[in-house]
Amino acid sequence: MIVERRFVGIKYLSEYLGIPKGTLYVWTCYKKIPHFKIGRIVKFDLKEIEKWLKDKKVEEIS
């Protein structure tokens, strides 16, 4: 049985997006990326991150 990972931490998302962990911490501090906190733990919903990335896409000019 394959379990799809939906909620991830900073380390996983950093590797997934190829963005330094420090950048993700800054983005969460300034609320630039969708996330939630459980105590001091920051978690990300991969489905929300995918939607956020699509919204950030810059369209090509032809």
PDB file of N, CA and C in Angstrom:
ATOM      1  N   MET A   1       0.836  -1.180   0.000  1.00  0.00           N
ATOM      2  CA  MET A   1       0.000   0.000   0.000  1.00  0.00           C
ATOM      3  C   MET A   1       0.885   1.248   0.000  1.00  0.00           C
ATOM      4  N   ILE A   2       0.651   2.144  -0.953  1.00  0.00           N
ATOM      5  CA  ILE A   2       1.421   3.378  -1.047  1.00  0.00           C
ATOM      6  C   ILE A   2       0.622   4.494  -0.385  1.00  0.00           C
ATOM      7  N   VAL A   3       1.259   5.172   0.556  1.00  0.00           N
ATOM      8  CA  VAL A   3       0.617   6.277   1.252  1.00  0.00           C
ATOM      9  C   VAL A   3       1.147   7.576   0.657  1.00  0.00           C
ATOM     10  N   GLU A   4       0.235   8.406   0.160  1.00  0.00           N
ATOM     11  CA  GLU A   4       0.627   9.694  -0.404  1.00  0.00           C
ATOM     12  C   GLU A   4       0.824  10.688   0.726  1.00  0.00           C
ATOM     13  N   ARG A   5       1.950  11.354   0.719  1.00  0.00           N
ATOM     14  CA  ARG A   5       2.254  12.340   1.745  1.00  0.00           C
ATOM     15  C   ARG A   5       1.529  13.638   1.397  1.00  0.00           C
ATOM     16  N   ARG A   6       0.759  14.161   2.327  1.00  0.00           N
ATOM     17  CA  ARG A   6       0.029  15.401   2.071  1.00  0.00           C
ATOM     18  C   ARG A   6       0.560  16.552   2.909  1.00  0.00           C
ATOM     19  N   PHE A   7       0.846  16.315   4.176  1.00  0.00           N
ATOM     20  CA  PHE A   7       1.342  17.358   5.061  1.00  0.00           C
ATOM     21  C   PHE A   7       2.825  17.132   5.300  1.00  0.00           C
ATOM     22  N   VAL A   8       3.618  18.167   5.042  1.00  0.00           N
ATOM     23  CA  VAL A   8       5.070  18.017   5.120  1.00  0.00           C
ATOM     24  C   VAL A   8       5.679  19.152   5.933  1.00  0.00           C
ATOM     25  N   GLY A   9       6.908  18.925   6.361  1.00  0.00           N
ATOM     26  CA  GLY A   9       7.641  19.928   7.120  1.00  0.00           C
ATOM     27  C   GLY A   9       8.577  20.741   6.235  1.00  0.00           C
ATOM     28  N   ILE A  10       9.313  21.626   6.883  1.00  0.00           N
ATOM     29  CA  ILE A  10      10.244  22.529   6.191  1.00  0.00           C
ATOM     30  C   ILE A  10      11.290  21.747   5.391  1.00  0.00           C
ATOM     31  N   LYS A  11      11.900  20.740   6.001  1.00  0.00           N
ATOM     32  CA  LYS A  11      12.976  20.002   5.333  1.00  0.00           C
ATOM     33  C   LYS A  11      12.478  19.352   4.043  1.00  0.00           C
ATOM     34  N   TYR A  12      11.361  18.664   4.114  1.00  0.00           N
ATOM     35  CA  TYR A  12      10.816  17.986   2.937  1.00  0.00           C
ATOM     36  C   TYR A  12      10.470  18.998   1.851  1.00  0.00           C
ATOM     37  N   LEU A  13       9.778  20.090   2.220  1.00  0.00           N
ATOM     38  CA  LEU A  13       9.367  21.078   1.226  1.00  0.00           C
ATOM     39  C   LEU A  13      10.579  21.773   0.608  1.00  0.00           C
ATOM     40  N   SER A  14      11.600  22.002   1.401  1.00  0.00           N
ATOM     41  CA  SER A  14      12.833  22.599   0.893  1.00  0.00           C
ATOM     42  C   SER A  14      13.438  21.732  -0.208  1.00  0.00           C
ATOM     43  N   GLU A  15      13.511  20.444   0.029  1.00  0.00           N
ATOM     44  CA  GLU A  15      14.047  19.516  -0.974  1.00  0.00           C
ATOM     45  C   GLU A  15      13.101  19.398  -2.166  1.00  0.00           C
ATOM     46  N   TYR A  16      11.817  19.376  -1.918  1.00  0.00           N
ATOM     47  CA  TYR A  16      10.795  19.233  -2.958  1.00  0.00           C
ATOM     48  C   TYR A  16      10.824  20.409  -3.935  1.00  0.00           C
ATOM     49  N   LEU A  17      10.963  21.631  -3.387  1.00  0.00           N
ATOM     50  CA  LEU A  17      10.952  22.829  -4.220  1.00  0.00           C
ATOM     51  C   LEU A  17      12.346  23.286  -4.652  1.00  0.00           C
ATOM     52  N   GLY A  18      13.385  22.765  -3.984  1.00  0.00           N
ATOM     53  CA  GLY A  18      14.744  23.207  -4.281  1.00  0.00           C
ATOM     54  C   GLY A  18      15.013  24.612  -3.755  1.00  0.00           C
ATOM     55  N   ILE A  19      14.400  24.933  -2.628  1.00  0.00           N
ATOM     56  CA  ILE A  19      14.526  26.250  -2.001  1.00  0.00           C
ATOM     57  C   ILE A  19      15.160  26.055  -0.626  1.00  0.00           C
ATOM     58  N   PRO A  20      16.114  26.927  -0.250  1.00  0.00           N
ATOM     59  CA  PRO A  20      16.733  26.785   1.076  1.00  0.00           C
ATOM     60  C   PRO A  20      15.704  26.859   2.211  1.00  0.00           C
ATOM     61  N   LYS A  21      15.976  26.104   3.273  1.00  0.00           N
ATOM     62  CA  LYS A  21      15.075  26.102   4.430  1.00  0.00           C
ATOM     63  C   LYS A  21      14.912  27.503   5.004  1.00  0.00           C
ATOM     64  N   GLY A  22      15.997  28.263   5.030  1.00  0.00           N
ATOM     65  CA  GLY A  22      15.943  29.627   5.558  1.00  0.00           C
ATOM     66  C   GLY A  22      14.949  30.498   4.808  1.00  0.00           C
ATOM     67  N   THR A  23      14.900  30.332   3.493  1.00  0.00           N
ATOM     68  CA  THR A  23      13.950  31.090   2.676  1.00  0.00           C
ATOM     69  C   THR A  23      12.522  30.722   3.052  1.00  0.00           C
ATOM     70  N   LEU A  24      12.265  29.438   3.246  1.00  0.00           N
ATOM     71  CA  LEU A  24      10.921  29.002   3.636  1.00  0.00           C
ATOM     72  C   LEU A  24      10.534  29.558   5.004  1.00  0.00           C
ATOM     73  N   TYR A  25      11.493  29.605   5.938  1.00  0.00           N
ATOM     74  CA  TYR A  25      11.200  30.180   7.253  1.00  0.00           C
ATOM     75  C   TYR A  25      10.842  31.661   7.129  1.00  0.00           C
ATOM     76  N   VAL A  26      11.576  32.392   6.282  1.00  0.00           N
ATOM     77  CA  VAL A  26      11.276  33.816   6.075  1.00  0.00           C
ATOM     78  C   VAL A  26       9.893  33.969   5.450  1.00  0.00           C
ATOM     79  N   TRP A  27       9.603  33.158   4.435  1.00  0.00           N
ATOM     80  CA  TRP A  27       8.294  33.231   3.776  1.00  0.00           C
ATOM     81  C   TRP A  27       7.163  32.947   4.756  1.00  0.00           C
ATOM     82  N   THR A  28       7.363  31.979   5.664  1.00  0.00           N
ATOM     83  CA  THR A  28       6.310  31.691   6.643  1.00  0.00           C
ATOM     84  C   THR A  28       6.165  32.849   7.625  1.00  0.00           C
ATOM     85  N   CYS A  29       7.281  33.446   8.003  1.00  0.00           N
ATOM     86  CA  CYS A  29       7.260  34.580   8.932  1.00  0.00           C
ATOM     87  C   CYS A  29       6.457  35.741   8.351  1.00  0.00           C
ATOM     88  N   TYR A  30       6.630  35.988   7.057  1.00  0.00           N
ATOM     89  CA  TYR A  30       5.930  37.089   6.387  1.00  0.00           C
ATOM     90  C   TYR A  30       4.628  36.645   5.714  1.00  0.00           C
ATOM     91  N   LYS A  31       4.241  35.403   5.985  1.00  0.00           N
ATOM     92  CA  LYS A  31       2.982  34.844   5.457  1.00  0.00           C
ATOM     93  C   LYS A  31       2.900  34.928   3.935  1.00  0.00           C
ATOM     94  N   LYS A  32       4.019  34.599   3.278  1.00  0.00           N
ATOM     95  CA  LYS A  32       4.075  34.623   1.816  1.00  0.00           C
ATOM     96  C   LYS A  32       3.788  33.263   1.204  1.00  0.00           C
ATOM     97  N   ILE A  33       3.721  32.234   2.035  1.00  0.00           N
ATOM     98  CA  ILE A  33       3.482  30.877   1.559  1.00  0.00           C
ATOM     99  C   ILE A  33       2.439  30.233   2.475  1.00  0.00           C
ATOM    100  N   PRO A  34       1.487  29.485   1.913  1.00  0.00           N
ATOM    101  CA  PRO A  34       0.466  28.871   2.772  1.00  0.00           C
ATOM    102  C   PRO A  34       1.068  27.812   3.706  1.00  0.00           C
ATOM    103  N   HIS A  35       0.756  27.928   4.978  1.00  0.00           N
ATOM    104  CA  HIS A  35       1.280  26.991   5.982  1.00  0.00           C
ATOM    105  C   HIS A  35       0.394  27.046   7.218  1.00  0.00           C
ATOM    106  N   PHE A  36       0.661  26.145   8.138  1.00  0.00           N
ATOM    107  CA  PHE A  36       0.004  26.212   9.437  1.00  0.00           C
ATOM    108  C   PHE A  36       0.990  25.768  10.493  1.00  0.00           C
ATOM    109  N   LYS A  37       0.727  26.168  11.725  1.00  0.00           N
ATOM    110  CA  LYS A  37       1.633  25.849  12.819  1.00  0.00           C
ATOM    111  C   LYS A  37       0.904  25.034  13.875  1.00  0.00           C
ATOM    112  N   ILE A  38       1.601  24.045  14.370  1.00  0.00           N
ATOM    113  CA  ILE A  38       1.136  23.255  15.504  1.00  0.00           C
ATOM    114  C   ILE A  38       2.183  23.499  16.583  1.00  0.00           C
ATOM    115  N   GLY A  39       1.870  24.391  17.502  1.00  0.00           N
ATOM    116  CA  GLY A  39       2.885  24.809  18.463  1.00  0.00           C
ATOM    117  C   GLY A  39       3.982  25.546  17.714  1.00  0.00           C
ATOM    118  N   ARG A  40       5.203  25.030  17.796  1.00  0.00           N
ATOM    119  CA  ARG A  40       6.333  25.631  17.089  1.00  0.00           C
ATOM    120  C   ARG A  40       6.633  24.931  15.772  1.00  0.00           C
ATOM    121  N   ILE A  41       5.875  23.896  15.459  1.00  0.00           N
ATOM    122  CA  ILE A  41       6.122  23.108  14.249  1.00  0.00           C
ATOM    123  C   ILE A  41       5.367  23.714  13.071  1.00  0.00           C
ATOM    124  N   VAL A  42       6.089  23.948  11.972  1.00  0.00           N
ATOM    125  CA  VAL A  42       5.492  24.493  10.748  1.00  0.00           C
ATOM    126  C   VAL A  42       5.212  23.332   9.801  1.00  0.00           C
ATOM    127  N   LYS A  43       4.001  23.270   9.288  1.00  0.00           N
ATOM    128  CA  LYS A  43       3.608  22.230   8.331  1.00  0.00           C
ATOM    129  C   LYS A  43       2.999  22.875   7.096  1.00  0.00           C
ATOM    130  N   PHE A  44       3.115  22.159   5.981  1.00  0.00           N
ATOM    131  CA  PHE A  44       2.594  22.622   4.703  1.00  0.00           C
ATOM    132  C   PHE A  44       1.707  21.539   4.112  1.00  0.00           C
ATOM    133  N   ASP A  45       0.616  21.959   3.507  1.00  0.00           N
ATOM    134  CA  ASP A  45      -0.285  21.057   2.794  1.00  0.00           C
ATOM    135  C   ASP A  45       0.174  21.059   1.337  1.00  0.00           C
ATOM    136  N   LEU A  46       0.661  19.927   0.843  1.00  0.00           N
ATOM    137  CA  LEU A  46       1.196  19.869  -0.518  1.00  0.00           C
ATOM    138  C   LEU A  46       0.170  20.277  -1.568  1.00  0.00           C
ATOM    139  N   LYS A  47      -1.093  19.966  -1.338  1.00  0.00           N
ATOM    140  CA  LYS A  47      -2.128  20.373  -2.300  1.00  0.00           C
ATOM    141  C   LYS A  47      -2.249  21.896  -2.343  1.00  0.00           C
ATOM    142  N   GLU A  48      -2.165  22.539  -1.191  1.00  0.00           N
ATOM    143  CA  GLU A  48      -2.209  24.003  -1.139  1.00  0.00           C
ATOM    144  C   GLU A  48      -0.958  24.613  -1.775  1.00  0.00           C
ATOM    145  N   ILE A  49       0.186  23.974  -1.571  1.00  0.00           N
ATOM    146  CA  ILE A  49       1.437  24.468  -2.165  1.00  0.00           C
ATOM    147  C   ILE A  49       1.361  24.383  -3.685  1.00  0.00           C
ATOM    148  N   GLU A  50       0.837  23.276  -4.208  1.00  0.00           N
ATOM    149  CA  GLU A  50       0.693  23.127  -5.665  1.00  0.00           C
ATOM    150  C   GLU A  50      -0.230  24.208  -6.224  1.00  0.00           C
ATOM    151  N   LYS A  51      -1.332  24.483  -5.531  1.00  0.00           N
ATOM    152  CA  LYS A  51      -2.261  25.531  -5.963  1.00  0.00           C
ATOM    153  C   LYS A  51      -1.574  26.892  -5.914  1.00  0.00           C
ATOM    154  N   TRP A  52      -0.839  27.160  -4.847  1.00  0.00           N
ATOM    155  CA  TRP A  52      -0.115  28.414  -4.682  1.00  0.00           C
ATOM    156  C   TRP A  52       0.898  28.602  -5.812  1.00  0.00           C
ATOM    157  N   LEU A  53       1.607  27.538  -6.171  1.00  0.00           N
ATOM    158  CA  LEU A  53       2.582  27.616  -7.260  1.00  0.00           C
ATOM    159  C   LEU A  53       1.906  27.934  -8.589  1.00  0.00           C
ATOM    160  N   LYS A  54       0.764  27.316  -8.839  1.00  0.00           N
ATOM    161  CA  LYS A  54       0.031  27.595 -10.082  1.00  0.00           C
ATOM    162  C   LYS A  54      -0.406  29.053 -10.139  1.00  0.00           C
ATOM    163  N   ASP A  55      -0.817  29.601  -8.995  1.00  0.00           N
ATOM    164  CA  ASP A  55      -1.227  31.004  -8.936  1.00  0.00           C
ATOM    165  C   ASP A  55      -0.049  31.954  -9.163  1.00  0.00           C
ATOM    166  N   LYS A  56       1.170  31.505  -8.860  1.00  0.00           N
ATOM    167  CA  LYS A  56       2.377  32.327  -9.008  1.00  0.00           C
ATOM    168  C   LYS A  56       2.985  32.226 -10.405  1.00  0.00           C
ATOM    169  N   LYS A  57       2.463  31.332 -11.216  1.00  0.00           N
ATOM    170  CA  LYS A  57       3.028  31.101 -12.547  1.00  0.00           C
ATOM    171  C   LYS A  57       2.943  32.370 -13.389  1.00  0.00           C
ATOM    172  N   VAL A  58       4.053  32.694 -14.054  1.00  0.00           N
ATOM    173  CA  VAL A  58       4.107  33.841 -14.952  1.00  0.00           C
ATOM    174  C   VAL A  58       3.835  33.335 -16.355  1.00  0.00           C
ATOM    175  N   GLU A  59       2.838  33.911 -16.985  1.00  0.00           N
ATOM    176  CA  GLU A  59       2.457  33.475 -18.333  1.00  0.00           C
ATOM    177  C   GLU A  59       3.453  33.989 -19.365  1.00  0.00           C
ATOM    178  N   GLU A  60       3.672  33.172 -20.370  1.00  0.00           N
ATOM    179  CA  GLU A  60       4.590  33.499 -21.456  1.00  0.00           C
ATOM    180  C   GLU A  60       3.934  34.507 -22.402  1.00  0.00           C
ATOM    181  N   ILE A  61       4.713  35.487 -22.849  1.00  0.00           N
ATOM    182  CA  ILE A  61       4.218  36.463 -23.824  1.00  0.00           C
ATOM    183  C   ILE A  61       4.661  36.004 -25.202  1.00  0.00           C
ATOM    184  N   SER A  62       3.706  35.927 -26.139  1.00  0.00           N
ATOM    185  CA  SER A  62       4.076  35.460 -27.481  1.00  0.00           C
ATOM    186  C   SER A  62       4.146  36.588 -28.483  1.00  0.00           C
TER     187      SER A  62
END
